Amino acid sequence: MERASRFITSESGFTYPLVVLIISVIIILFFKNVILYKQDITMTDHHIEQLNYQTLVQMTLIQIKRDLRDDKNLQTIHYSFPTGHVKVVTHKRSENEYNLELYVTTNKDLNFDRAAYIHLTN
């Protein structure tokens, strides 16, 4: 039975440092993947909030068109939806044209501002 060389199996040899290097690379890759996963979760949350914001804007534009057909002198309107609140300030340009300032607050207390233009058709 042959004995393994001391050069190959000792700390100053070849096998031990190679094993430590491989284990270190595996641990680094593992933790890097954990960090990437956490960043993906954060980005997903931001995308969901962006979709909520866009949905609130679309629902508000539909609702404001209905309200302005009924009362053309509206100036400031507040809407409350399941995913947030919207404040609308209207500026009349002509008989059927309005500039809108939309102040959107989502349920997670994120605030967005947006300007819009609408033209009411009969």
PDB file of N, CA and C in Angstrom:
ATOM      1  N   MET A   1       0.837  -1.159   0.000  1.00  0.00           N
ATOM      2  CA  MET A   1       0.000   0.000   0.000  1.00  0.00           C
ATOM      3  C   MET A   1       0.888   1.231   0.000  1.00  0.00           C
ATOM      4  N   GLU A   2       0.597   2.127  -0.915  1.00  0.00           N
ATOM      5  CA  GLU A   2       1.414   3.325  -1.016  1.00  0.00           C
ATOM      6  C   GLU A   2       0.900   4.392  -0.085  1.00  0.00           C
ATOM      7  N   ARG A   3       1.814   5.182   0.448  1.00  0.00           N
ATOM      8  CA  ARG A   3       1.447   6.308   1.295  1.00  0.00           C
ATOM      9  C   ARG A   3       1.391   7.561   0.448  1.00  0.00           C
ATOM     10  N   ALA A   4       0.435   8.415   0.751  1.00  0.00           N
ATOM     11  CA  ALA A   4       0.325   9.658   0.007  1.00  0.00           C
ATOM     12  C   ALA A   4       1.488  10.557   0.372  1.00  0.00           C
ATOM     13  N   SER A   5       1.945  11.258  -0.585  1.00  0.00           N
ATOM     14  CA  SER A   5       3.067  12.148  -0.369  1.00  0.00           C
ATOM     15  C   SER A   5       2.662  13.288   0.564  1.00  0.00           C
ATOM     16  N   ARG A   6       3.572  13.699   1.411  1.00  0.00           N
ATOM     17  CA  ARG A   6       3.322  14.808   2.329  1.00  0.00           C
ATOM     18  C   ARG A   6       3.099  16.100   1.539  1.00  0.00           C
ATOM     19  N   PHE A   7       3.691  16.230   0.377  1.00  0.00           N
ATOM     20  CA  PHE A   7       3.550  17.417  -0.463  1.00  0.00           C
ATOM     21  C   PHE A   7       2.097  17.603  -0.924  1.00  0.00           C
ATOM     22  N   ILE A   8       1.391  16.508  -1.157  1.00  0.00           N
ATOM     23  CA  ILE A   8       0.034  16.584  -1.702  1.00  0.00           C
ATOM     24  C   ILE A   8      -1.008  16.788  -0.606  1.00  0.00           C
ATOM     25  N   THR A   9      -0.809  16.324   0.613  1.00  0.00           N
ATOM     26  CA  THR A   9      -1.863  16.331   1.624  1.00  0.00           C
ATOM     27  C   THR A   9      -1.653  17.337   2.746  1.00  0.00           C
ATOM     28  N   SER A  10      -0.545  17.973   2.882  1.00  0.00           N
ATOM     29  CA  SER A  10      -0.320  18.909   3.987  1.00  0.00           C
ATOM     30  C   SER A  10      -0.837  20.302   3.624  1.00  0.00           C
ATOM     31  N   GLU A  11      -0.866  21.193   4.628  1.00  0.00           N
ATOM     32  CA  GLU A  11      -1.345  22.553   4.412  1.00  0.00           C
ATOM     33  C   GLU A  11      -0.522  23.291   3.369  1.00  0.00           C
ATOM     34  N   SER A  12       0.740  23.012   3.316  1.00  0.00           N
ATOM     35  CA  SER A  12       1.589  23.696   2.344  1.00  0.00           C
ATOM     36  C   SER A  12       1.635  22.946   1.018  1.00  0.00           C
ATOM     37  N   GLY A  13       0.883  21.857   0.930  1.00  0.00           N
ATOM     38  CA  GLY A  13       0.867  21.073  -0.294  1.00  0.00           C
ATOM     39  C   GLY A  13      -0.185  21.579  -1.277  1.00  0.00           C
ATOM     40  N   PHE A  14      -0.644  20.715  -2.162  1.00  0.00           N
ATOM     41  CA  PHE A  14      -1.510  21.082  -3.267  1.00  0.00           C
ATOM     42  C   PHE A  14      -2.991  20.865  -2.957  1.00  0.00           C
ATOM     43  N   THR A  15      -3.387  19.800  -2.299  1.00  0.00           N
ATOM     44  CA  THR A  15      -4.781  19.423  -2.122  1.00  0.00           C
ATOM     45  C   THR A  15      -5.522  20.370  -1.196  1.00  0.00           C
ATOM     46  N   TYR A  16      -4.999  20.669  -0.049  1.00  0.00           N
ATOM     47  CA  TYR A  16      -5.693  21.500   0.936  1.00  0.00           C
ATOM     48  C   TYR A  16      -5.982  22.907   0.401  1.00  0.00           C
ATOM     49  N   PRO A  17      -5.016  23.630  -0.152  1.00  0.00           N
ATOM     50  CA  PRO A  17      -5.339  24.955  -0.690  1.00  0.00           C
ATOM     51  C   PRO A  17      -6.343  24.906  -1.835  1.00  0.00           C
ATOM     52  N   LEU A  18      -6.307  23.871  -2.650  1.00  0.00           N
ATOM     53  CA  LEU A  18      -7.271  23.747  -3.745  1.00  0.00           C
ATOM     54  C   LEU A  18      -8.687  23.562  -3.202  1.00  0.00           C
ATOM     55  N   VAL A  19      -8.845  22.738  -2.188  1.00  0.00           N
ATOM     56  CA  VAL A  19     -10.157  22.513  -1.574  1.00  0.00           C
ATOM     57  C   VAL A  19     -10.674  23.800  -0.946  1.00  0.00           C
ATOM     58  N   VAL A  20      -9.819  24.527  -0.248  1.00  0.00           N
ATOM     59  CA  VAL A  20     -10.219  25.796   0.369  1.00  0.00           C
ATOM     60  C   VAL A  20     -10.631  26.797  -0.707  1.00  0.00           C
ATOM     61  N   LEU A  21      -9.918  26.846  -1.807  1.00  0.00           N
ATOM     62  CA  LEU A  21     -10.256  27.754  -2.894  1.00  0.00           C
ATOM     63  C   LEU A  21     -11.617  27.398  -3.491  1.00  0.00           C
ATOM     64  N   ILE A  22     -11.863  26.147  -3.737  1.00  0.00           N
ATOM     65  CA  ILE A  22     -13.146  25.707  -4.316  1.00  0.00           C
ATOM     66  C   ILE A  22     -14.299  26.019  -3.362  1.00  0.00           C
ATOM     67  N   ILE A  23     -14.135  25.724  -2.082  1.00  0.00           N
ATOM     68  CA  ILE A  23     -15.190  26.010  -1.109  1.00  0.00           C
ATOM     69  C   ILE A  23     -15.435  27.512  -1.008  1.00  0.00           C
ATOM     70  N   SER A  24     -14.379  28.310  -1.041  1.00  0.00           N
ATOM     71  CA  SER A  24     -14.536  29.763  -0.986  1.00  0.00           C
ATOM     72  C   SER A  24     -15.310  30.288  -2.189  1.00  0.00           C
ATOM     73  N   VAL A  25     -15.008  29.789  -3.361  1.00  0.00           N
ATOM     74  CA  VAL A  25     -15.721  30.222  -4.566  1.00  0.00           C
ATOM     75  C   VAL A  25     -17.194  29.838  -4.478  1.00  0.00           C
ATOM     76  N   ILE A  26     -17.483  28.640  -3.993  1.00  0.00           N
ATOM     77  CA  ILE A  26     -18.871  28.189  -3.853  1.00  0.00           C
ATOM     78  C   ILE A  26     -19.622  29.073  -2.854  1.00  0.00           C
ATOM     79  N   ILE A  27     -19.018  29.410  -1.733  1.00  0.00           N
ATOM     80  CA  ILE A  27     -19.663  30.274  -0.733  1.00  0.00           C
ATOM     81  C   ILE A  27     -19.891  31.674  -1.290  1.00  0.00           C
ATOM     82  N   ILE A  28     -18.914  32.211  -2.001  1.00  0.00           N
ATOM     83  CA  ILE A  28     -19.072  33.547  -2.607  1.00  0.00           C
ATOM     84  C   ILE A  28     -20.221  33.542  -3.611  1.00  0.00           C
ATOM     85  N   LEU A  29     -20.299  32.531  -4.458  1.00  0.00           N
ATOM     86  CA  LEU A  29     -21.379  32.431  -5.434  1.00  0.00           C
ATOM     87  C   LEU A  29     -22.743  32.298  -4.760  1.00  0.00           C
ATOM     88  N   PHE A  30     -22.794  31.538  -3.678  1.00  0.00           N
ATOM     89  CA  PHE A  30     -24.048  31.377  -2.943  1.00  0.00           C
ATOM     90  C   PHE A  30     -24.549  32.712  -2.404  1.00  0.00           C
ATOM     91  N   PHE A  31     -23.661  33.448  -1.725  1.00  0.00           N
ATOM     92  CA  PHE A  31     -24.085  34.724  -1.150  1.00  0.00           C
ATOM     93  C   PHE A  31     -24.379  35.767  -2.222  1.00  0.00           C
ATOM     94  N   LYS A  32     -23.683  35.711  -3.330  1.00  0.00           N
ATOM     95  CA  LYS A  32     -23.982  36.621  -4.441  1.00  0.00           C
ATOM     96  C   LYS A  32     -25.384  36.358  -4.975  1.00  0.00           C
ATOM     97  N   ASN A  33     -25.769  35.089  -5.087  1.00  0.00           N
ATOM     98  CA  ASN A  33     -27.116  34.745  -5.538  1.00  0.00           C
ATOM     99  C   ASN A  33     -28.182  35.181  -4.534  1.00  0.00           C
ATOM    100  N   VAL A  34     -27.883  35.113  -3.250  1.00  0.00           N
ATOM    101  CA  VAL A  34     -28.824  35.596  -2.235  1.00  0.00           C
ATOM    102  C   VAL A  34     -29.033  37.096  -2.389  1.00  0.00           C
ATOM    103  N   ILE A  35     -27.963  37.845  -2.609  1.00  0.00           N
ATOM    104  CA  ILE A  35     -28.066  39.294  -2.799  1.00  0.00           C
ATOM    105  C   ILE A  35     -28.859  39.612  -4.063  1.00  0.00           C
ATOM    106  N   LEU A  36     -28.605  38.897  -5.151  1.00  0.00           N
ATOM    107  CA  LEU A  36     -29.361  39.109  -6.389  1.00  0.00           C
ATOM    108  C   LEU A  36     -30.836  38.809  -6.199  1.00  0.00           C
ATOM    109  N   TYR A  37     -31.159  37.789  -5.425  1.00  0.00           N
ATOM    110  CA  TYR A  37     -32.552  37.439  -5.161  1.00  0.00           C
ATOM    111  C   TYR A  37     -33.244  38.558  -4.388  1.00  0.00           C
ATOM    112  N   LYS A  38     -32.576  39.114  -3.388  1.00  0.00           N
ATOM    113  CA  LYS A  38     -33.154  40.229  -2.625  1.00  0.00           C
ATOM    114  C   LYS A  38     -33.371  41.447  -3.517  1.00  0.00           C
ATOM    115  N   GLN A  39     -32.448  41.709  -4.415  1.00  0.00           N
ATOM    116  CA  GLN A  39     -32.609  42.830  -5.339  1.00  0.00           C
ATOM    117  C   GLN A  39     -33.771  42.587  -6.298  1.00  0.00           C
ATOM    118  N   ASP A  40     -33.959  41.346  -6.738  1.00  0.00           N
ATOM    119  CA  ASP A  40     -35.090  41.021  -7.600  1.00  0.00           C
ATOM    120  C   ASP A  40     -36.420  41.255  -6.881  1.00  0.00           C
ATOM    121  N   ILE A  41     -36.478  40.898  -5.608  1.00  0.00           N
ATOM    122  CA  ILE A  41     -37.697  41.130  -4.828  1.00  0.00           C
ATOM    123  C   ILE A  41     -37.975  42.630  -4.725  1.00  0.00           C
ATOM    124  N   THR A  42     -36.937  43.426  -4.461  1.00  0.00           N
ATOM    125  CA  THR A  42     -37.101  44.874  -4.367  1.00  0.00           C
ATOM    126  C   THR A  42     -37.568  45.454  -5.698  1.00  0.00           C
ATOM    127  N   MET A  43     -36.959  45.025  -6.795  1.00  0.00           N
ATOM    128  CA  MET A  43     -37.365  45.524  -8.109  1.00  0.00           C
ATOM    129  C   MET A  43     -38.796  45.126  -8.441  1.00  0.00           C
ATOM    130  N   THR A  44     -39.192  43.935  -8.053  1.00  0.00           N
ATOM    131  CA  THR A  44     -40.569  43.495  -8.282  1.00  0.00           C
ATOM    132  C   THR A  44     -41.543  44.376  -7.519  1.00  0.00           C
ATOM    133  N   ASP A  45     -41.223  44.711  -6.276  1.00  0.00           N
ATOM    134  CA  ASP A  45     -42.072  45.613  -5.492  1.00  0.00           C
ATOM    135  C   ASP A  45     -42.189  46.978  -6.160  1.00  0.00           C
ATOM    136  N   HIS A  46     -41.081  47.485  -6.689  1.00  0.00           N
ATOM    137  CA  HIS A  46     -41.122  48.778  -7.388  1.00  0.00           C
ATOM    138  C   HIS A  46     -41.977  48.698  -8.659  1.00  0.00           C
ATOM    139  N   HIS A  47     -41.870  47.598  -9.379  1.00  0.00           N
ATOM    140  CA  HIS A  47     -42.688  47.437 -10.583  1.00  0.00           C
ATOM    141  C   HIS A  47     -44.176  47.365 -10.239  1.00  0.00           C
ATOM    142  N   ILE A  48     -44.497  46.682  -9.162  1.00  0.00           N
ATOM    143  CA  ILE A  48     -45.896  46.591  -8.735  1.00  0.00           C
ATOM    144  C   ILE A  48     -46.413  47.973  -8.350  1.00  0.00           C
ATOM    145  N   GLU A  49     -45.606  48.767  -7.651  1.00  0.00           N
ATOM    146  CA  GLU A  49     -46.024  50.128  -7.297  1.00  0.00           C
ATOM    147  C   GLU A  49     -46.194  50.992  -8.547  1.00  0.00           C
ATOM    148  N   GLN A  50     -45.326  50.809  -9.522  1.00  0.00           N
ATOM    149  CA  GLN A  50     -45.456  51.559 -10.768  1.00  0.00           C
ATOM    150  C   GLN A  50     -46.758  51.189 -11.482  1.00  0.00           C
ATOM    151  N   LEU A  51     -47.095  49.906 -11.490  1.00  0.00           N
ATOM    152  CA  LEU A  51     -48.360  49.477 -12.089  1.00  0.00           C
ATOM    153  C   LEU A  51     -49.551  50.043 -11.317  1.00  0.00           C
ATOM    154  N   ASN A  52     -49.465  50.066  -9.992  1.00  0.00           N
ATOM    155  CA  ASN A  52     -50.529  50.670  -9.189  1.00  0.00           C
ATOM    156  C   ASN A  52     -50.694  52.145  -9.531  1.00  0.00           C
ATOM    157  N   TYR A  53     -49.583  52.845  -9.667  1.00  0.00           N
ATOM    158  CA  TYR A  53     -49.623  54.265 -10.021  1.00  0.00           C
ATOM    159  C   TYR A  53     -50.289  54.460 -11.389  1.00  0.00           C
ATOM    160  N   GLN A  54     -49.871  53.688 -12.362  1.00  0.00           N
ATOM    161  CA  GLN A  54     -50.442  53.825 -13.703  1.00  0.00           C
ATOM    162  C   GLN A  54     -51.926  53.468 -13.711  1.00  0.00           C
ATOM    163  N   THR A  55     -52.308  52.477 -12.937  1.00  0.00           N
ATOM    164  CA  THR A  55     -53.717  52.103 -12.837  1.00  0.00           C
ATOM    165  C   THR A  55     -54.525  53.233 -12.198  1.00  0.00           C
ATOM    166  N   LEU A  56     -53.983  53.835 -11.145  1.00  0.00           N
ATOM    167  CA  LEU A  56     -54.673  54.962 -10.503  1.00  0.00           C
ATOM    168  C   LEU A  56     -54.848  56.123 -11.468  1.00  0.00           C
ATOM    169  N   VAL A  57     -53.837  56.410 -12.274  1.00  0.00           N
ATOM    170  CA  VAL A  57     -53.935  57.500 -13.244  1.00  0.00           C
ATOM    171  C   VAL A  57     -55.020  57.194 -14.272  1.00  0.00           C
ATOM    172  N   GLN A  58     -55.055  55.978 -14.786  1.00  0.00           N
ATOM    173  CA  GLN A  58     -56.054  55.622 -15.787  1.00  0.00           C
ATOM    174  C   GLN A  58     -57.467  55.673 -15.212  1.00  0.00           C
ATOM    175  N   MET A  59     -57.652  55.158 -14.001  1.00  0.00           N
ATOM    176  CA  MET A  59     -58.973  55.205 -13.381  1.00  0.00           C
ATOM    177  C   MET A  59     -59.395  56.651 -13.119  1.00  0.00           C
ATOM    178  N   THR A  60     -58.438  57.484 -12.732  1.00  0.00           N
ATOM    179  CA  THR A  60     -58.743  58.889 -12.475  1.00  0.00           C
ATOM    180  C   THR A  60     -59.133  59.606 -13.751  1.00  0.00           C
ATOM    181  N   LEU A  61     -58.419  59.362 -14.842  1.00  0.00           N
ATOM    182  CA  LEU A  61     -58.751  60.026 -16.102  1.00  0.00           C
ATOM    183  C   LEU A  61     -60.152  59.645 -16.579  1.00  0.00           C
ATOM    184  N   ILE A  62     -60.529  58.396 -16.419  1.00  0.00           N
ATOM    185  CA  ILE A  62     -61.876  57.975 -16.801  1.00  0.00           C
ATOM    186  C   ILE A  62     -62.916  58.655 -15.912  1.00  0.00           C
ATOM    187  N   GLN A  63     -62.644  58.691 -14.610  1.00  0.00           N
ATOM    188  CA  GLN A  63     -63.597  59.290 -13.676  1.00  0.00           C
ATOM    189  C   GLN A  63     -63.707  60.801 -13.869  1.00  0.00           C
ATOM    190  N   ILE A  64     -62.595  61.473 -14.111  1.00  0.00           N
ATOM    191  CA  ILE A  64     -62.632  62.935 -14.273  1.00  0.00           C
ATOM    192  C   ILE A  64     -63.377  63.315 -15.553  1.00  0.00           C
ATOM    193  N   LYS A  65     -63.259  62.512 -16.596  1.00  0.00           N
ATOM    194  CA  LYS A  65     -64.013  62.794 -17.823  1.00  0.00           C
ATOM    195  C   LYS A  65     -65.511  62.728 -17.556  1.00  0.00           C
ATOM    196  N   ARG A  66     -65.931  61.725 -16.789  1.00  0.00           N
ATOM    197  CA  ARG A  66     -67.356  61.622 -16.438  1.00  0.00           C
ATOM    198  C   ARG A  66     -67.802  62.818 -15.604  1.00  0.00           C
ATOM    199  N   ASP A  67     -66.980  63.182 -14.625  1.00  0.00           N
ATOM    200  CA  ASP A  67     -67.355  64.279 -13.733  1.00  0.00           C
ATOM    201  C   ASP A  67     -67.367  65.621 -14.457  1.00  0.00           C
ATOM    202  N   LEU A  68     -66.418  65.830 -15.370  1.00  0.00           N
ATOM    203  CA  LEU A  68     -66.378  67.106 -16.095  1.00  0.00           C
ATOM    204  C   LEU A  68     -67.519  67.226 -17.104  1.00  0.00           C
ATOM    205  N   ARG A  69     -68.048  66.124 -17.587  1.00  0.00           N
ATOM    206  CA  ARG A  69     -69.227  66.199 -18.457  1.00  0.00           C
ATOM    207  C   ARG A  69     -70.442  66.666 -17.674  1.00  0.00           C
ATOM    208  N   ASP A  70     -70.505  66.271 -16.393  1.00  0.00           N
ATOM    209  CA  ASP A  70     -71.624  66.680 -15.535  1.00  0.00           C
ATOM    210  C   ASP A  70     -71.466  68.108 -15.024  1.00  0.00           C
ATOM    211  N   ASP A  71     -70.251  68.481 -14.620  1.00  0.00           N
ATOM    212  CA  ASP A  71     -70.007  69.812 -14.066  1.00  0.00           C
ATOM    213  C   ASP A  71     -68.705  70.347 -14.657  1.00  0.00           C
ATOM    214  N   LYS A  72     -68.788  71.297 -15.551  1.00  0.00           N
ATOM    215  CA  LYS A  72     -67.616  71.805 -16.265  1.00  0.00           C
ATOM    216  C   LYS A  72     -66.805  72.791 -15.449  1.00  0.00           C
ATOM    217  N   ASN A  73     -67.232  73.142 -14.250  1.00  0.00           N
ATOM    218  CA  ASN A  73     -66.531  74.134 -13.425  1.00  0.00           C
ATOM    219  C   ASN A  73     -65.771  73.513 -12.255  1.00  0.00           C
ATOM    220  N   LEU A  74     -65.495  72.246 -12.304  1.00  0.00           N
ATOM    221  CA  LEU A  74     -64.738  71.595 -11.230  1.00  0.00           C
ATOM    222  C   LEU A  74     -63.303  72.132 -11.214  1.00  0.00           C
ATOM    223  N   GLN A  75     -62.785  72.368 -10.025  1.00  0.00           N
ATOM    224  CA  GLN A  75     -61.413  72.875  -9.912  1.00  0.00           C
ATOM    225  C   GLN A  75     -60.489  71.868  -9.237  1.00  0.00           C
ATOM    226  N   THR A  76     -60.885  71.403  -8.055  1.00  0.00           N
ATOM    227  CA  THR A  76     -60.079  70.440  -7.318  1.00  0.00           C
ATOM    228  C   THR A  76     -60.975  69.272  -6.923  1.00  0.00           C
ATOM    229  N   ILE A  77     -60.526  68.084  -7.246  1.00  0.00           N
ATOM    230  CA  ILE A  77     -61.309  66.885  -6.967  1.00  0.00           C
ATOM    231  C   ILE A  77     -60.405  65.862  -6.292  1.00  0.00           C
ATOM    232  N   HIS A  78     -60.960  65.151  -5.332  1.00  0.00           N
ATOM    233  CA  HIS A  78     -60.236  64.080  -4.650  1.00  0.00           C
ATOM    234  C   HIS A  78     -60.939  62.758  -4.964  1.00  0.00           C
ATOM    235  N   TYR A  79     -60.153  61.779  -5.358  1.00  0.00           N
ATOM    236  CA  TYR A  79     -60.681  60.437  -5.607  1.00  0.00           C
ATOM    237  C   TYR A  79     -59.971  59.458  -4.684  1.00  0.00           C
ATOM    238  N   SER A  80     -60.739  58.515  -4.173  1.00  0.00           N
ATOM    239  CA  SER A  80     -60.178  57.468  -3.334  1.00  0.00           C
ATOM    240  C   SER A  80     -60.479  56.125  -3.998  1.00  0.00           C
ATOM    241  N   PHE A  81     -59.433  55.373  -4.272  1.00  0.00           N
ATOM    242  CA  PHE A  81     -59.550  54.067  -4.901  1.00  0.00           C
ATOM    243  C   PHE A  81     -58.970  53.024  -3.955  1.00  0.00           C
ATOM    244  N   PRO A  82     -59.207  51.730  -4.213  1.00  0.00           N
ATOM    245  CA  PRO A  82     -58.672  50.689  -3.315  1.00  0.00           C
ATOM    246  C   PRO A  82     -57.145  50.694  -3.197  1.00  0.00           C
ATOM    247  N   THR A  83     -56.428  51.138  -4.232  1.00  0.00           N
ATOM    248  CA  THR A  83     -54.962  51.088  -4.181  1.00  0.00           C
ATOM    249  C   THR A  83     -54.318  52.433  -3.885  1.00  0.00           C
ATOM    250  N   GLY A  84     -55.121  53.483  -3.649  1.00  0.00           N
ATOM    251  CA  GLY A  84     -54.522  54.773  -3.330  1.00  0.00           C
ATOM    252  C   GLY A  84     -55.510  55.926  -3.490  1.00  0.00           C
ATOM    253  N   HIS A  85     -54.965  57.127  -3.361  1.00  0.00           N
ATOM    254  CA  HIS A  85     -55.760  58.350  -3.443  1.00  0.00           C
ATOM    255  C   HIS A  85     -55.168  59.258  -4.513  1.00  0.00           C
ATOM    256  N   VAL A  86     -56.049  60.032  -5.157  1.00  0.00           N
ATOM    257  CA  VAL A  86     -55.611  60.939  -6.206  1.00  0.00           C
ATOM    258  C   VAL A  86     -56.284  62.294  -5.990  1.00  0.00           C
ATOM    259  N   LYS A  87     -55.479  63.342  -6.051  1.00  0.00           N
ATOM    260  CA  LYS A  87     -55.998  64.709  -6.034  1.00  0.00           C
ATOM    261  C   LYS A  87     -55.801  65.267  -7.436  1.00  0.00           C
ATOM    262  N   VAL A  88     -56.862  65.860  -7.996  1.00  0.00           N
ATOM    263  CA  VAL A  88     -56.809  66.405  -9.343  1.00  0.00           C
ATOM    264  C   VAL A  88     -57.119  67.894  -9.288  1.00  0.00           C
ATOM    265  N   VAL A  89     -56.244  68.685  -9.878  1.00  0.00           N
ATOM    266  CA  VAL A  89     -56.479  70.123 -10.031  1.00  0.00           C
ATOM    267  C   VAL A  89     -56.665  70.375 -11.522  1.00  0.00           C
ATOM    268  N   THR A  90     -57.805  70.972 -11.872  1.00  0.00           N
ATOM    269  CA  THR A  90     -58.111  71.192 -13.286  1.00  0.00           C
ATOM    270  C   THR A  90     -57.878  72.647 -13.659  1.00  0.00           C
ATOM    271  N   HIS A  91     -57.393  72.855 -14.872  1.00  0.00           N
ATOM    272  CA  HIS A  91     -57.223  74.189 -15.453  1.00  0.00           C
ATOM    273  C   HIS A  91     -57.909  74.171 -16.817  1.00  0.00           C
ATOM    274  N   LYS A  92     -58.953  74.955 -16.935  1.00  0.00           N
ATOM    275  CA  LYS A  92     -59.733  74.958 -18.173  1.00  0.00           C
ATOM    276  C   LYS A  92     -59.002  75.762 -19.242  1.00  0.00           C
ATOM    277  N   ARG A  93     -58.791  75.151 -20.417  1.00  0.00           N
ATOM    278  CA  ARG A  93     -58.154  75.837 -21.545  1.00  0.00           C
ATOM    279  C   ARG A  93     -59.186  76.421 -22.492  1.00  0.00           C
ATOM    280  N   SER A  94     -60.212  75.647 -22.748  1.00  0.00           N
ATOM    281  CA  SER A  94     -61.309  76.102 -23.600  1.00  0.00           C
ATOM    282  C   SER A  94     -62.554  75.346 -23.157  1.00  0.00           C
ATOM    283  N   GLU A  95     -63.592  75.401 -23.969  1.00  0.00           N
ATOM    284  CA  GLU A  95     -64.877  74.793 -23.594  1.00  0.00           C
ATOM    285  C   GLU A  95     -64.751  73.306 -23.254  1.00  0.00           C
ATOM    286  N   ASN A  96     -63.995  72.570 -24.054  1.00  0.00           N
ATOM    287  CA  ASN A  96     -63.888  71.118 -23.847  1.00  0.00           C
ATOM    288  C   ASN A  96     -62.454  70.647 -23.615  1.00  0.00           C
ATOM    289  N   GLU A  97     -61.526  71.532 -23.317  1.00  0.00           N
ATOM    290  CA  GLU A  97     -60.127  71.151 -23.113  1.00  0.00           C
ATOM    291  C   GLU A  97     -59.677  71.549 -21.713  1.00  0.00           C
ATOM    292  N   TYR A  98     -58.966  70.615 -21.079  1.00  0.00           N
ATOM    293  CA  TYR A  98     -58.510  70.839 -19.708  1.00  0.00           C
ATOM    294  C   TYR A  98     -57.067  70.359 -19.561  1.00  0.00           C
ATOM    295  N   ASN A  99     -56.304  71.108 -18.780  1.00  0.00           N
ATOM    296  CA  ASN A  99     -55.009  70.636 -18.296  1.00  0.00           C
ATOM    297  C   ASN A  99     -55.238  70.129 -16.881  1.00  0.00           C
ATOM    298  N   LEU A 100     -54.640  69.013 -16.558  1.00  0.00           N
ATOM    299  CA  LEU A 100     -54.837  68.401 -15.242  1.00  0.00           C
ATOM    300  C   LEU A 100     -53.512  68.252 -14.526  1.00  0.00           C
ATOM    301  N   GLU A 101     -53.548  68.464 -13.231  1.00  0.00           N
ATOM    302  CA  GLU A 101     -52.419  68.137 -12.359  1.00  0.00           C
ATOM    303  C   GLU A 101     -52.885  66.991 -11.475  1.00  0.00           C
ATOM    304  N   LEU A 102     -52.217  65.868 -11.567  1.00  0.00           N
ATOM    305  CA  LEU A 102     -52.585  64.690 -10.791  1.00  0.00           C
ATOM    306  C   LEU A 102     -51.545  64.467  -9.694  1.00  0.00           C
ATOM    307  N   TYR A 103     -52.014  64.373  -8.462  1.00  0.00           N
ATOM    308  CA  TYR A 103     -51.150  64.083  -7.320  1.00  0.00           C
ATOM    309  C   TYR A 103     -51.600  62.736  -6.760  1.00  0.00           C
ATOM    310  N   VAL A 104     -50.788  61.711  -7.014  1.00  0.00           N
ATOM    311  CA  VAL A 104     -51.168  60.336  -6.696  1.00  0.00           C
ATOM    312  C   VAL A 104     -50.404  59.879  -5.454  1.00  0.00           C
ATOM    313  N   THR A 105     -51.133  59.271  -4.514  1.00  0.00           N
ATOM    314  CA  THR A 105     -50.523  58.664  -3.327  1.00  0.00           C
ATOM    315  C   THR A 105     -51.001  57.220  -3.252  1.00  0.00           C
ATOM    316  N   THR A 106     -50.079  56.281  -3.288  1.00  0.00           N
ATOM    317  CA  THR A 106     -50.437  54.870  -3.208  1.00  0.00           C
ATOM    318  C   THR A 106     -50.620  54.466  -1.749  1.00  0.00           C
ATOM    319  N   ASN A 107     -51.107  53.259  -1.544  1.00  0.00           N
ATOM    320  CA  ASN A 107     -51.321  52.772  -0.178  1.00  0.00           C
ATOM    321  C   ASN A 107     -50.019  52.578   0.593  1.00  0.00           C
ATOM    322  N   LYS A 108     -48.905  52.495  -0.106  1.00  0.00           N
ATOM    323  CA  LYS A 108     -47.599  52.384   0.559  1.00  0.00           C
ATOM    324  C   LYS A 108     -46.970  53.753   0.780  1.00  0.00           C
ATOM    325  N   ASP A 109     -47.765  54.829   0.677  1.00  0.00           N
ATOM    326  CA  ASP A 109     -47.341  56.214   0.905  1.00  0.00           C
ATOM    327  C   ASP A 109     -46.258  56.685  -0.063  1.00  0.00           C
ATOM    328  N   LEU A 110     -46.305  56.200  -1.281  1.00  0.00           N
ATOM    329  CA  LEU A 110     -45.430  56.715  -2.326  1.00  0.00           C
ATOM    330  C   LEU A 110     -46.201  57.781  -3.093  1.00  0.00           C
ATOM    331  N   ASN A 111     -45.559  58.909  -3.356  1.00  0.00           N
ATOM    332  CA  ASN A 111     -46.212  60.033  -4.021  1.00  0.00           C
ATOM    333  C   ASN A 111     -45.679  60.209  -5.432  1.00  0.00           C
ATOM    334  N   PHE A 112     -46.601  60.469  -6.354  1.00  0.00           N
ATOM    335  CA  PHE A 112     -46.255  60.715  -7.746  1.00  0.00           C
ATOM    336  C   PHE A 112     -47.027  61.936  -8.212  1.00  0.00           C
ATOM    337  N   ASP A 113     -46.428  62.716  -9.075  1.00  0.00           N
ATOM    338  CA  ASP A 113     -47.086  63.858  -9.701  1.00  0.00           C
ATOM    339  C   ASP A 113     -47.099  63.637 -11.200  1.00  0.00           C
ATOM    340  N   ARG A 114     -48.184  64.097 -11.822  1.00  0.00           N
ATOM    341  CA  ARG A 114     -48.270  63.941 -13.265  1.00  0.00           C
ATOM    342  C   ARG A 114     -49.170  65.024 -13.833  1.00  0.00           C
ATOM    343  N   ALA A 115     -48.792  65.517 -14.975  1.00  0.00           N
ATOM    344  CA  ALA A 115     -49.628  66.466 -15.709  1.00  0.00           C
ATOM    345  C   ALA A 115     -50.302  65.716 -16.846  1.00  0.00           C
ATOM    346  N   ALA A 116     -51.526  66.122 -17.161  1.00  0.00           N
ATOM    347  CA  ALA A 116     -52.264  65.458 -18.224  1.00  0.00           C
ATOM    348  C   ALA A 116     -53.109  66.493 -18.966  1.00  0.00           C
ATOM    349  N   TYR A 117     -53.490  66.128 -20.157  1.00  0.00           N
ATOM    350  CA  TYR A 117     -54.361  66.954 -20.980  1.00  0.00           C
ATOM    351  C   TYR A 117     -55.519  66.093 -21.437  1.00  0.00           C
ATOM    352  N   ILE A 118     -56.727  66.605 -21.321  1.00  0.00           N
ATOM    353  CA  ILE A 118     -57.876  65.857 -21.837  1.00  0.00           C
ATOM    354  C   ILE A 118     -58.727  66.774 -22.696  1.00  0.00           C
ATOM    355  N   HIS A 119     -59.340  66.153 -23.664  1.00  0.00           N
ATOM    356  CA  HIS A 119     -60.275  66.833 -24.550  1.00  0.00           C
ATOM    357  C   HIS A 119     -61.593  66.062 -24.475  1.00  0.00           C
ATOM    358  N   LEU A 120     -62.623  66.723 -24.012  1.00  0.00           N
ATOM    359  CA  LEU A 120     -63.921  66.065 -23.874  1.00  0.00           C
ATOM    360  C   LEU A 120     -64.653  66.103 -25.213  1.00  0.00           C
ATOM    361  N   THR A 121     -65.145  64.945 -25.593  1.00  0.00           N
ATOM    362  CA  THR A 121     -65.964  64.879 -26.812  1.00  0.00           C
ATOM    363  C   THR A 121     -67.394  64.611 -26.398  1.00  0.00           C
ATOM    364  N   ASN A 122     -68.301  65.061 -27.191  1.00  0.00           N
ATOM    365  CA  ASN A 122     -69.728  64.897 -26.869  1.00  0.00           C
ATOM    366  C   ASN A 122     -70.259  63.562 -27.258  1.00  0.00           C
TER     367      ASN A 122
END
